[in-house]
Amino acid sequence: MPEFSADRASCFVFSYKEGLLSKLAHDLKFAVTRFSITTDEAGVPKEASFDLTSLDLVCQMVEGKEHGPMSRSDRDKILDHAFDDVLDVKRHPRATFAIDAVVPEGDGHRVKGTLTLHGTSRALSFTSQREGDDEVAEIRLNQPDFGVKPFSAMLGALKVRPDVLVRIELRKG
């Protein structure tokens, strides 16, 4: 069965800061570096599995643009919070998406299925679009819908918005 993995695809997660002290923090871009998207013989995606223990911090974002490297210590602290306090990867190391339907829509597809994250399953529907030779989907996920408590510090004066953006890029070539 054909498959997409990190050599032919990318999976990024974007988190956004909020709160009274948000000026002290950064929006962040993460990458899930180990995942697979299995397809049928015709190349239509059927299921996806994401190893959340492979989450890596790519960079900080400023006004939607990638912005310089972070210190090793800041990077490690952020990843520790993501693994332990937010995602609890020891108990929930994987996220899966069982795909029920992929239907052409516009210059992309409408995808429907069930996402299981943090031990909670929910129906999910999104569209993908062509970007050059790639097929790209951007999915907004509300963390609390899956039992995930967004990061918060300093009595909530510094926190991550409940919604994160997941961007999946499939390289066809």
Foldseek 3Di string as FASTA:
>chain_A
DDKDWLVFKWKKKWWAKDFQVAVVDFTWIKTQHTKMFDDPPVRHTFKIKTFQVSIATDATDDPRHGDDHDDPVVRVVVVCCCCVVFQVCVVWRMKMWGWDDWADDDQWTKTWTWIQGSNDIDIDIWIWHDDDQKIKTKDKDQSVVNVTDWDADPVRRMTIHRIMIMMMIGHPD
